[in-house]
Amino acid sequence: CSCHGWRAAHHAGDVREPRADAPGGKPIRARAVHGQRLLEGRLAAGLAAIQARYPTLDIGSYPYYRGDNNGVAIVAKGTDEAASAAAIAEAAALIESLGVSPILGEPPI
């Protein structure tokens, strides 16, 4: 689904670089932010723009349903920790622009 922002190469299994989890590879870093009572579709265009600015990252949106605590988490993964942090800062600003307070990290279980 393009609303998740995953690069097409990821879905197609097209591997152009050594796997980061292979021995000697760079570790994959992940950062997350979430917003409560936020619908995933409201983020699609903004997340696509963020993904375009950070082509070395995999950025995904993940709806969660936990009783009355529903919302969407955004995760940025990659080997560049600074880029992951910057992308999540932009995602937090996107969430805030939609009238929802962003919460750093993944939603509680």
PDB file of N, CA and C in Angstrom:
ATOM      1  N   CYS A   1       0.850  -1.174   0.000  1.00  0.00           N
ATOM      2  CA  CYS A   1       0.000   0.000   0.000  1.00  0.00           C
ATOM      3  C   CYS A   1       0.897   1.239   0.000  1.00  0.00           C
ATOM      4  N   SER A   2       0.685   2.157  -0.897  1.00  0.00           N
ATOM      5  CA  SER A   2       1.529   3.340  -0.981  1.00  0.00           C
ATOM      6  C   SER A   2       1.352   4.254   0.216  1.00  0.00           C
ATOM      7  N   CYS A   3       0.240   4.109   0.950  1.00  0.00           N
ATOM      8  CA  CYS A   3       0.048   4.977   2.107  1.00  0.00           C
ATOM      9  C   CYS A   3       1.040   4.648   3.211  1.00  0.00           C
ATOM     10  N   HIS A   4       1.667   3.494   3.165  1.00  0.00           N
ATOM     11  CA  HIS A   4       2.652   3.144   4.177  1.00  0.00           C
ATOM     12  C   HIS A   4       4.018   3.727   3.864  1.00  0.00           C
ATOM     13  N   GLY A   5       4.235   4.208   2.658  1.00  0.00           N
ATOM     14  CA  GLY A   5       5.481   4.856   2.324  1.00  0.00           C
ATOM     15  C   GLY A   5       6.633   3.911   2.052  1.00  0.00           C
ATOM     16  N   TRP A   6       6.406   2.607   2.059  1.00  0.00           N
ATOM     17  CA  TRP A   6       7.495   1.676   1.804  1.00  0.00           C
ATOM     18  C   TRP A   6       7.917   1.791   0.354  1.00  0.00           C
ATOM     19  N   ARG A   7       9.202   1.766   0.122  1.00  0.00           N
ATOM     20  CA  ARG A   7       9.710   1.842  -1.249  1.00  0.00           C
ATOM     21  C   ARG A   7       9.299   0.597  -2.024  1.00  0.00           C
ATOM     22  N   ALA A   8       9.038   0.777  -3.305  1.00  0.00           N
ATOM     23  CA  ALA A   8       8.623  -0.337  -4.162  1.00  0.00           C
ATOM     24  C   ALA A   8       9.669  -1.445  -4.182  1.00  0.00           C
ATOM     25  N   ALA A   9      10.936  -1.077  -4.144  1.00  0.00           N
ATOM     26  CA  ALA A   9      11.999  -2.091  -4.168  1.00  0.00           C
ATOM     27  C   ALA A   9      11.908  -3.014  -2.961  1.00  0.00           C
ATOM     28  N   HIS A  10      11.468  -2.469  -1.835  1.00  0.00           N
ATOM     29  CA  HIS A  10      11.331  -3.290  -0.623  1.00  0.00           C
ATOM     30  C   HIS A  10      10.279  -4.369  -0.846  1.00  0.00           C
ATOM     31  N   HIS A  11       9.145  -3.996  -1.410  1.00  0.00           N
ATOM     32  CA  HIS A  11       8.074  -4.958  -1.649  1.00  0.00           C
ATOM     33  C   HIS A  11       8.443  -5.981  -2.713  1.00  0.00           C
ATOM     34  N   ALA A  12       9.199  -5.557  -3.687  1.00  0.00           N
ATOM     35  CA  ALA A  12       9.536  -6.451  -4.792  1.00  0.00           C
ATOM     36  C   ALA A  12      10.682  -7.394  -4.450  1.00  0.00           C
ATOM     37  N   GLY A  13      11.279  -7.193  -3.287  1.00  0.00           N
ATOM     38  CA  GLY A  13      12.401  -8.048  -2.892  1.00  0.00           C
ATOM     39  C   GLY A  13      13.691  -7.679  -3.599  1.00  0.00           C
ATOM     40  N   ASP A  14      13.758  -6.491  -4.187  1.00  0.00           N
ATOM     41  CA  ASP A  14      14.933  -6.034  -4.910  1.00  0.00           C
ATOM     42  C   ASP A  14      15.968  -5.578  -3.891  1.00  0.00           C
ATOM     43  N   VAL A  15      17.038  -6.335  -3.755  1.00  0.00           N
ATOM     44  CA  VAL A  15      18.071  -6.015  -2.771  1.00  0.00           C
ATOM     45  C   VAL A  15      19.262  -5.435  -3.501  1.00  0.00           C
ATOM     46  N   ARG A  16      19.560  -4.178  -3.226  1.00  0.00           N
ATOM     47  CA  ARG A  16      20.670  -3.506  -3.895  1.00  0.00           C
ATOM     48  C   ARG A  16      21.866  -3.311  -2.976  1.00  0.00           C
ATOM     49  N   GLU A  17      21.670  -3.443  -1.693  1.00  0.00           N
ATOM     50  CA  GLU A  17      22.744  -3.233  -0.738  1.00  0.00           C
ATOM     51  C   GLU A  17      22.862  -4.474   0.140  1.00  0.00           C
ATOM     52  N   PRO A  18      24.025  -4.670   0.755  1.00  0.00           N
ATOM     53  CA  PRO A  18      24.129  -5.788   1.702  1.00  0.00           C
ATOM     54  C   PRO A  18      23.128  -5.601   2.825  1.00  0.00           C
ATOM     55  N   ARG A  19      22.593  -6.676   3.310  1.00  0.00           N
ATOM     56  CA  ARG A  19      21.647  -6.595   4.419  1.00  0.00           C
ATOM     57  C   ARG A  19      22.337  -6.006   5.633  1.00  0.00           C
ATOM     58  N   ALA A  20      21.664  -5.059   6.273  1.00  0.00           N
ATOM     59  CA  ALA A  20      22.254  -4.395   7.431  1.00  0.00           C
ATOM     60  C   ALA A  20      22.371  -5.333   8.627  1.00  0.00           C
ATOM     61  N   ASP A  21      21.578  -6.422   8.641  1.00  0.00           N
ATOM     62  CA  ASP A  21      21.654  -7.344   9.770  1.00  0.00           C
ATOM     63  C   ASP A  21      22.640  -8.485   9.518  1.00  0.00           C
ATOM     64  N   ALA A  22      23.322  -8.463   8.383  1.00  0.00           N
ATOM     65  CA  ALA A  22      24.317  -9.483   8.080  1.00  0.00           C
ATOM     66  C   ALA A  22      25.567  -9.215   8.914  1.00  0.00           C
ATOM     67  N   PRO A  23      26.360 -10.240   9.194  1.00  0.00           N
ATOM     68  CA  PRO A  23      27.587 -10.014   9.955  1.00  0.00           C
ATOM     69  C   PRO A  23      28.434  -8.929   9.291  1.00  0.00           C
ATOM     70  N   GLY A  24      28.846  -7.951  10.084  1.00  0.00           N
ATOM     71  CA  GLY A  24      29.656  -6.860   9.559  1.00  0.00           C
ATOM     72  C   GLY A  24      28.848  -5.722   8.984  1.00  0.00           C
ATOM     73  N   GLY A  25      27.535  -5.887   8.839  1.00  0.00           N
ATOM     74  CA  GLY A  25      26.690  -4.819   8.308  1.00  0.00           C
ATOM     75  C   GLY A  25      26.382  -3.790   9.376  1.00  0.00           C
ATOM     76  N   LYS A  26      25.941  -2.619   8.946  1.00  0.00           N
ATOM     77  CA  LYS A  26      25.550  -1.580   9.892  1.00  0.00           C
ATOM     78  C   LYS A  26      24.240  -1.988  10.564  1.00  0.00           C
ATOM     79  N   PRO A  27      24.093  -1.706  11.848  1.00  0.00           N
ATOM     80  CA  PRO A  27      22.830  -2.040  12.517  1.00  0.00           C
ATOM     81  C   PRO A  27      21.686  -1.154  12.027  1.00  0.00           C
ATOM     82  N   ILE A  28      20.515  -1.716  11.948  1.00  0.00           N
ATOM     83  CA  ILE A  28      19.325  -0.957  11.568  1.00  0.00           C
ATOM     84  C   ILE A  28      18.782  -0.275  12.813  1.00  0.00           C
ATOM     85  N   ARG A  29      18.538   0.996  12.697  1.00  0.00           N
ATOM     86  CA  ARG A  29      17.992   1.790  13.794  1.00  0.00           C
ATOM     87  C   ARG A  29      16.549   2.139  13.469  1.00  0.00           C
ATOM     88  N   ALA A  30      15.704   2.172  14.471  1.00  0.00           N
ATOM     89  CA  ALA A  30      14.299   2.528  14.276  1.00  0.00           C
ATOM     90  C   ALA A  30      13.903   3.606  15.276  1.00  0.00           C
ATOM     91  N   ARG A  31      13.128   4.541  14.817  1.00  0.00           N
ATOM     92  CA  ARG A  31      12.542   5.589  15.655  1.00  0.00           C
ATOM     93  C   ARG A  31      11.041   5.565  15.393  1.00  0.00           C
ATOM     94  N   ALA A  32      10.272   5.976  16.389  1.00  0.00           N
ATOM     95  CA  ALA A  32       8.817   5.948  16.237  1.00  0.00           C
ATOM     96  C   ALA A  32       8.176   7.155  16.907  1.00  0.00           C
ATOM     97  N   VAL A  33       6.994   7.482  16.423  1.00  0.00           N
ATOM     98  CA  VAL A  33       6.127   8.494  17.010  1.00  0.00           C
ATOM     99  C   VAL A  33       4.701   8.021  16.761  1.00  0.00           C
ATOM    100  N   HIS A  34       3.791   8.370  17.639  1.00  0.00           N
ATOM    101  CA  HIS A  34       2.400   7.985  17.406  1.00  0.00           C
ATOM    102  C   HIS A  34       1.457   9.093  17.827  1.00  0.00           C
ATOM    103  N   GLY A  35       0.233   8.985  17.303  1.00  0.00           N
ATOM    104  CA  GLY A  35      -0.816   9.936  17.637  1.00  0.00           C
ATOM    105  C   GLY A  35      -2.093   9.190  17.954  1.00  0.00           C
ATOM    106  N   GLN A  36      -2.713   9.542  19.049  1.00  0.00           N
ATOM    107  CA  GLN A  36      -3.952   8.886  19.457  1.00  0.00           C
ATOM    108  C   GLN A  36      -5.142   9.490  18.717  1.00  0.00           C
ATOM    109  N   ARG A  37      -6.121   8.633  18.446  1.00  0.00           N
ATOM    110  CA  ARG A  37      -7.359   9.033  17.763  1.00  0.00           C
ATOM    111  C   ARG A  37      -7.064   9.701  16.410  1.00  0.00           C
ATOM    112  N   LEU A  38      -6.089   9.151  15.711  1.00  0.00           N
ATOM    113  CA  LEU A  38      -5.681   9.651  14.402  1.00  0.00           C
ATOM    114  C   LEU A  38      -5.944   8.562  13.369  1.00  0.00           C
ATOM    115  N   LEU A  39      -6.538   8.936  12.249  1.00  0.00           N
ATOM    116  CA  LEU A  39      -6.811   7.979  11.176  1.00  0.00           C
ATOM    117  C   LEU A  39      -5.643   7.946  10.198  1.00  0.00           C
ATOM    118  N   GLU A  40      -5.244   6.746   9.815  1.00  0.00           N
ATOM    119  CA  GLU A  40      -4.072   6.555   8.954  1.00  0.00           C
ATOM    120  C   GLU A  40      -4.170   7.310   7.637  1.00  0.00           C
ATOM    121  N   GLY A  41      -5.326   7.330   7.027  1.00  0.00           N
ATOM    122  CA  GLY A  41      -5.492   7.980   5.729  1.00  0.00           C
ATOM    123  C   GLY A  41      -5.170   9.463   5.745  1.00  0.00           C
ATOM    124  N   ARG A  42      -5.315  10.094   6.886  1.00  0.00           N
ATOM    125  CA  ARG A  42      -5.012  11.525   6.990  1.00  0.00           C
ATOM    126  C   ARG A  42      -3.513  11.804   6.861  1.00  0.00           C
ATOM    127  N   LEU A  43      -2.685  10.771   7.049  1.00  0.00           N
ATOM    128  CA  LEU A  43      -1.233  10.927   7.014  1.00  0.00           C
ATOM    129  C   LEU A  43      -0.610  10.618   5.655  1.00  0.00           C
ATOM    130  N   ALA A  44      -1.354   9.987   4.765  1.00  0.00           N
ATOM    131  CA  ALA A  44      -0.777   9.403   3.551  1.00  0.00           C
ATOM    132  C   ALA A  44       0.054  10.373   2.726  1.00  0.00           C
ATOM    133  N   ALA A  45      -0.501  11.507   2.355  1.00  0.00           N
ATOM    134  CA  ALA A  45       0.232  12.447   1.494  1.00  0.00           C
ATOM    135  C   ALA A  45       1.467  12.993   2.199  1.00  0.00           C
ATOM    136  N   GLY A  46       1.322  13.349   3.467  1.00  0.00           N
ATOM    137  CA  GLY A  46       2.454  13.877   4.218  1.00  0.00           C
ATOM    138  C   GLY A  46       3.565  12.857   4.398  1.00  0.00           C
ATOM    139  N   LEU A  47       3.184  11.596   4.655  1.00  0.00           N
ATOM    140  CA  LEU A  47       4.202  10.551   4.810  1.00  0.00           C
ATOM    141  C   LEU A  47       4.915  10.266   3.496  1.00  0.00           C
ATOM    142  N   ALA A  48       4.182  10.315   2.395  1.00  0.00           N
ATOM    143  CA  ALA A  48       4.815  10.107   1.086  1.00  0.00           C
ATOM    144  C   ALA A  48       5.871  11.186   0.835  1.00  0.00           C
ATOM    145  N   ALA A  49       5.571  12.419   1.221  1.00  0.00           N
ATOM    146  CA  ALA A  49       6.533  13.512   1.047  1.00  0.00           C
ATOM    147  C   ALA A  49       7.751  13.309   1.942  1.00  0.00           C
ATOM    148  N   ILE A  50       7.533  12.866   3.182  1.00  0.00           N
ATOM    149  CA  ILE A  50       8.660  12.603   4.089  1.00  0.00           C
ATOM    150  C   ILE A  50       9.522  11.473   3.526  1.00  0.00           C
ATOM    151  N   GLN A  51       8.881  10.402   3.051  1.00  0.00           N
ATOM    152  CA  GLN A  51       9.632   9.283   2.477  1.00  0.00           C
ATOM    153  C   GLN A  51      10.477   9.745   1.294  1.00  0.00           C
ATOM    154  N   ALA A  52       9.945  10.645   0.474  1.00  0.00           N
ATOM    155  CA  ALA A  52      10.687  11.144  -0.685  1.00  0.00           C
ATOM    156  C   ALA A  52      11.936  11.916  -0.264  1.00  0.00           C
ATOM    157  N   ARG A  53      11.873  12.576   0.893  1.00  0.00           N
ATOM    158  CA  ARG A  53      13.034  13.327   1.388  1.00  0.00           C
ATOM    159  C   ARG A  53      14.079  12.427   2.052  1.00  0.00           C
ATOM    160  N   TYR A  54      13.672  11.201   2.413  1.00  0.00           N
ATOM    161  CA  TYR A  54      14.580  10.268   3.093  1.00  0.00           C
ATOM    162  C   TYR A  54      14.562   8.918   2.373  1.00  0.00           C
ATOM    163  N   PRO A  55      15.104   8.868   1.158  1.00  0.00           N
ATOM    164  CA  PRO A  55      15.023   7.632   0.364  1.00  0.00           C
ATOM    165  C   PRO A  55      15.816   6.456   0.930  1.00  0.00           C
ATOM    166  N   THR A  56      16.724   6.707   1.859  1.00  0.00           N
ATOM    167  CA  THR A  56      17.505   5.603   2.435  1.00  0.00           C
ATOM    168  C   THR A  56      16.792   4.948   3.615  1.00  0.00           C
ATOM    169  N   LEU A  57      15.636   5.476   3.998  1.00  0.00           N
ATOM    170  CA  LEU A  57      14.871   4.930   5.118  1.00  0.00           C
ATOM    171  C   LEU A  57      13.632   4.193   4.633  1.00  0.00           C
ATOM    172  N   ASP A  58      13.176   3.274   5.442  1.00  0.00           N
ATOM    173  CA  ASP A  58      11.853   2.677   5.258  1.00  0.00           C
ATOM    174  C   ASP A  58      10.962   3.325   6.299  1.00  0.00           C
ATOM    175  N   ILE A  59       9.912   3.994   5.831  1.00  0.00           N
ATOM    176  CA  ILE A  59       8.993   4.689   6.727  1.00  0.00           C
ATOM    177  C   ILE A  59       7.624   4.041   6.567  1.00  0.00           C
ATOM    178  N   GLY A  60       7.043   3.643   7.681  1.00  0.00           N
ATOM    179  CA  GLY A  60       5.748   2.980   7.631  1.00  0.00           C
ATOM    180  C   GLY A  60       4.789   3.550   8.653  1.00  0.00           C
ATOM    181  N   SER A  61       3.502   3.448   8.344  1.00  0.00           N
ATOM    182  CA  SER A  61       2.460   3.853   9.285  1.00  0.00           C
ATOM    183  C   SER A  61       1.689   2.605   9.690  1.00  0.00           C
ATOM    184  N   TYR A  62       1.389   2.521  10.971  1.00  0.00           N
ATOM    185  CA  TYR A  62       0.778   1.322  11.526  1.00  0.00           C
ATOM    186  C   TYR A  62      -0.370   1.697  12.456  1.00  0.00           C
ATOM    187  N   PRO A  63      -1.600   1.449  12.037  1.00  0.00           N
ATOM    188  CA  PRO A  63      -2.719   1.725  12.940  1.00  0.00           C
ATOM    189  C   PRO A  63      -2.701   0.744  14.110  1.00  0.00           C
ATOM    190  N   TYR A  64      -3.156   1.196  15.254  1.00  0.00           N
ATOM    191  CA  TYR A  64      -3.248   0.318  16.416  1.00  0.00           C
ATOM    192  C   TYR A  64      -4.616   0.503  17.073  1.00  0.00           C
ATOM    193  N   TYR A  65      -5.089  -0.566  17.670  1.00  0.00           N
ATOM    194  CA  TYR A  65      -6.416  -0.599  18.295  1.00  0.00           C
ATOM    195  C   TYR A  65      -6.261  -1.231  19.670  1.00  0.00           C
ATOM    196  N   ARG A  66      -6.370  -0.429  20.697  1.00  0.00           N
ATOM    197  CA  ARG A  66      -6.192  -0.915  22.067  1.00  0.00           C
ATOM    198  C   ARG A  66      -7.296  -0.341  22.946  1.00  0.00           C
ATOM    199  N   GLY A  67      -8.465  -0.933  22.864  1.00  0.00           N
ATOM    200  CA  GLY A  67      -9.589  -0.424  23.639  1.00  0.00           C
ATOM    201  C   GLY A  67      -9.957   0.971  23.178  1.00  0.00           C
ATOM    202  N   ASP A  68      -9.914   1.914  24.099  1.00  0.00           N
ATOM    203  CA  ASP A  68     -10.218   3.305  23.757  1.00  0.00           C
ATOM    204  C   ASP A  68      -8.996   4.065  23.255  1.00  0.00           C
ATOM    205  N   ASN A  69      -7.837   3.428  23.270  1.00  0.00           N
ATOM    206  CA  ASN A  69      -6.591   4.064  22.861  1.00  0.00           C
ATOM    207  C   ASN A  69      -6.220   3.606  21.451  1.00  0.00           C
ATOM    208  N   ASN A  70      -6.878   4.185  20.449  1.00  0.00           N
ATOM    209  CA  ASN A  70      -6.606   3.856  19.051  1.00  0.00           C
ATOM    210  C   ASN A  70      -5.819   4.988  18.420  1.00  0.00           C
ATOM    211  N   GLY A  71      -5.082   4.674  17.363  1.00  0.00           N
ATOM    212  CA  GLY A  71      -4.341   5.703  16.664  1.00  0.00           C
ATOM    213  C   GLY A  71      -3.435   5.116  15.616  1.00  0.00           C
ATOM    214  N   VAL A  72      -2.398   5.871  15.271  1.00  0.00           N
ATOM    215  CA  VAL A  72      -1.447   5.454  14.248  1.00  0.00           C
ATOM    216  C   VAL A  72      -0.033   5.707  14.754  1.00  0.00           C
ATOM    217  N   ALA A  73       0.830   4.704  14.561  1.00  0.00           N
ATOM    218  CA  ALA A  73       2.257   4.845  14.851  1.00  0.00           C
ATOM    219  C   ALA A  73       3.000   4.988  13.533  1.00  0.00           C
ATOM    220  N   ILE A  74       4.020   5.816  13.530  1.00  0.00           N
ATOM    221  CA  ILE A  74       4.898   5.981  12.372  1.00  0.00           C
ATOM    222  C   ILE A  74       6.288   5.534  12.801  1.00  0.00           C
ATOM    223  N   VAL A  75       6.882   4.670  11.993  1.00  0.00           N
ATOM    224  CA  VAL A  75       8.205   4.141  12.299  1.00  0.00           C
ATOM    225  C   VAL A  75       9.132   4.439  11.121  1.00  0.00           C
ATOM    226  N   ALA A  76      10.339   4.897  11.432  1.00  0.00           N
ATOM    227  CA  ALA A  76      11.375   5.121  10.416  1.00  0.00           C
ATOM    228  C   ALA A  76      12.533   4.194  10.749  1.00  0.00           C
ATOM    229  N   LYS A  77      12.933   3.371   9.773  1.00  0.00           N
ATOM    230  CA  LYS A  77      14.016   2.405   9.971  1.00  0.00           C
ATOM    231  C   LYS A  77      15.107   2.630   8.942  1.00  0.00           C
ATOM    232  N   GLY A  78      16.348   2.470   9.384  1.00  0.00           N
ATOM    233  CA  GLY A  78      17.465   2.575   8.466  1.00  0.00           C
ATOM    234  C   GLY A  78      18.780   2.537   9.217  1.00  0.00           C
ATOM    235  N   THR A  79      19.861   2.592   8.495  1.00  0.00           N
ATOM    236  CA  THR A  79      21.185   2.535   9.112  1.00  0.00           C
ATOM    237  C   THR A  79      21.701   3.918   9.504  1.00  0.00           C
ATOM    238  N   ASP A  80      21.043   4.972   9.052  1.00  0.00           N
ATOM    239  CA  ASP A  80      21.450   6.348   9.355  1.00  0.00           C
ATOM    240  C   ASP A  80      20.580   6.868  10.501  1.00  0.00           C
ATOM    241  N   GLU A  81      21.133   6.834  11.711  1.00  0.00           N
ATOM    242  CA  GLU A  81      20.361   7.226  12.893  1.00  0.00           C
ATOM    243  C   GLU A  81      19.922   8.680  12.834  1.00  0.00           C
ATOM    244  N   ALA A  82      20.761   9.560  12.314  1.00  0.00           N
ATOM    245  CA  ALA A  82      20.412  10.980  12.214  1.00  0.00           C
ATOM    246  C   ALA A  82      19.238  11.182  11.254  1.00  0.00           C
ATOM    247  N   ALA A  83      19.240  10.458  10.131  1.00  0.00           N
ATOM    248  CA  ALA A  83      18.127  10.566   9.181  1.00  0.00           C
ATOM    249  C   ALA A  83      16.837  10.029   9.795  1.00  0.00           C
ATOM    250  N   SER A  84      16.929   8.928  10.551  1.00  0.00           N
ATOM    251  CA  SER A  84      15.742   8.380  11.219  1.00  0.00           C
ATOM    252  C   SER A  84      15.165   9.388  12.200  1.00  0.00           C
ATOM    253  N   ALA A  85      16.028  10.030  12.973  1.00  0.00           N
ATOM    254  CA  ALA A  85      15.570  11.030  13.940  1.00  0.00           C
ATOM    255  C   ALA A  85      14.937  12.226  13.236  1.00  0.00           C
ATOM    256  N   ALA A  86      15.536  12.672  12.144  1.00  0.00           N
ATOM    257  CA  ALA A  86      14.995  13.815  11.404  1.00  0.00           C
ATOM    258  C   ALA A  86      13.646  13.477  10.776  1.00  0.00           C
ATOM    259  N   ALA A  87      13.521  12.281  10.214  1.00  0.00           N
ATOM    260  CA  ALA A  87      12.253  11.874   9.601  1.00  0.00           C
ATOM    261  C   ALA A  87      11.157  11.785  10.648  1.00  0.00           C
ATOM    262  N   ILE A  88      11.474  11.268  11.829  1.00  0.00           N
ATOM    263  CA  ILE A  88      10.468  11.167  12.884  1.00  0.00           C
ATOM    264  C   ILE A  88      10.094  12.553  13.402  1.00  0.00           C
ATOM    265  N   ALA A  89      11.045  13.475  13.441  1.00  0.00           N
ATOM    266  CA  ALA A  89      10.721  14.855  13.826  1.00  0.00           C
ATOM    267  C   ALA A  89       9.733  15.457  12.832  1.00  0.00           C
ATOM    268  N   GLU A  90       9.925  15.190  11.539  1.00  0.00           N
ATOM    269  CA  GLU A  90       8.986  15.671  10.522  1.00  0.00           C
ATOM    270  C   GLU A  90       7.627  14.985  10.665  1.00  0.00           C
ATOM    271  N   ALA A  91       7.640  13.683  10.983  1.00  0.00           N
ATOM    272  CA  ALA A  91       6.377  12.962  11.181  1.00  0.00           C
ATOM    273  C   ALA A  91       5.623  13.516  12.388  1.00  0.00           C
ATOM    274  N   ALA A  92       6.358  13.861  13.446  1.00  0.00           N
ATOM    275  CA  ALA A  92       5.722  14.459  14.623  1.00  0.00           C
ATOM    276  C   ALA A  92       5.084  15.799  14.261  1.00  0.00           C
ATOM    277  N   ALA A  93       5.779  16.591  13.448  1.00  0.00           N
ATOM    278  CA  ALA A  93       5.223  17.874  13.006  1.00  0.00           C
ATOM    279  C   ALA A  93       3.970  17.650  12.147  1.00  0.00           C
ATOM    280  N   LEU A  94       3.993  16.606  11.319  1.00  0.00           N
ATOM    281  CA  LEU A  94       2.824  16.270  10.499  1.00  0.00           C
ATOM    282  C   LEU A  94       1.634  15.917  11.394  1.00  0.00           C
ATOM    283  N   ILE A  95       1.864  15.078  12.384  1.00  0.00           N
ATOM    284  CA  ILE A  95       0.790  14.697  13.308  1.00  0.00           C
ATOM    285  C   ILE A  95       0.230  15.942  13.997  1.00  0.00           C
ATOM    286  N   GLU A  96       1.121  16.801  14.457  1.00  0.00           N
ATOM    287  CA  GLU A  96       0.682  18.019  15.143  1.00  0.00           C
ATOM    288  C   GLU A  96      -0.113  18.930  14.212  1.00  0.00           C
ATOM    289  N   SER A  97       0.286  18.987  12.928  1.00  0.00           N
ATOM    290  CA  SER A  97      -0.434  19.822  11.961  1.00  0.00           C
ATOM    291  C   SER A  97      -1.866  19.346  11.745  1.00  0.00           C
ATOM    292  N   LEU A  98      -2.140  18.089  12.113  1.00  0.00           N
ATOM    293  CA  LEU A  98      -3.487  17.528  11.978  1.00  0.00           C
ATOM    294  C   LEU A  98      -4.295  17.676  13.273  1.00  0.00           C
ATOM    295  N   GLY A  99      -3.750  18.445  14.227  1.00  0.00           N
ATOM    296  CA  GLY A  99      -4.474  18.730  15.453  1.00  0.00           C
ATOM    297  C   GLY A  99      -4.354  17.660  16.526  1.00  0.00           C
ATOM    298  N   VAL A 100      -3.344  16.791  16.396  1.00  0.00           N
ATOM    299  CA  VAL A 100      -3.130  15.711  17.357  1.00  0.00           C
ATOM    300  C   VAL A 100      -1.754  15.905  17.986  1.00  0.00           C
ATOM    301  N   SER A 101      -1.668  15.687  19.297  1.00  0.00           N
ATOM    302  CA  SER A 101      -0.377  15.798  19.979  1.00  0.00           C
ATOM    303  C   SER A 101       0.468  14.564  19.686  1.00  0.00           C
ATOM    304  N   PRO A 102       1.646  14.736  19.074  1.00  0.00           N
ATOM    305  CA  PRO A 102       2.507  13.580  18.808  1.00  0.00           C
ATOM    306  C   PRO A 102       3.144  13.077  20.097  1.00  0.00           C
ATOM    307  N   ILE A 103       3.299  11.764  20.182  1.00  0.00           N
ATOM    308  CA  ILE A 103       3.929  11.123  21.345  1.00  0.00           C
ATOM    309  C   ILE A 103       5.102  10.315  20.830  1.00  0.00           C
ATOM    310  N   LEU A 104       6.307  10.653  21.264  1.00  0.00           N
ATOM    311  CA  LEU A 104       7.488   9.927  20.795  1.00  0.00           C
ATOM    312  C   LEU A 104       7.465   8.491  21.302  1.00  0.00           C
ATOM    313  N   GLY A 105       7.945   7.589  20.463  1.00  0.00           N
ATOM    314  CA  GLY A 105       7.980   6.175  20.794  1.00  0.00           C
ATOM    315  C   GLY A 105       6.747   5.447  20.271  1.00  0.00           C
ATOM    316  N   GLU A 106       6.731   4.155  20.498  1.00  0.00           N
ATOM    317  CA  GLU A 106       5.604   3.334  20.060  1.00  0.00           C
ATOM    318  C   GLU A 106       4.499   3.407  21.094  1.00  0.00           C
ATOM    319  N   PRO A 107       3.251   3.148  20.678  1.00  0.00           N
ATOM    320  CA  PRO A 107       2.151   3.198  21.646  1.00  0.00           C
ATOM    321  C   PRO A 107       2.275   2.096  22.693  1.00  0.00           C
ATOM    322  N   PRO A 108       1.790   2.361  23.905  1.00  0.00           N
ATOM    323  CA  PRO A 108       1.861   1.334  24.941  1.00  0.00           C
ATOM    324  C   PRO A 108       0.997   0.129  24.588  1.00  0.00           C
ATOM    325  N   ILE A 109       1.400  -1.003  25.093  1.00  0.00           N
ATOM    326  CA  ILE A 109       0.662  -2.241  24.824  1.00  0.00           C
ATOM    327  C   ILE A 109      -0.570  -2.308  25.681  1.00  0.00           C
TER     328      ILE A 109
END
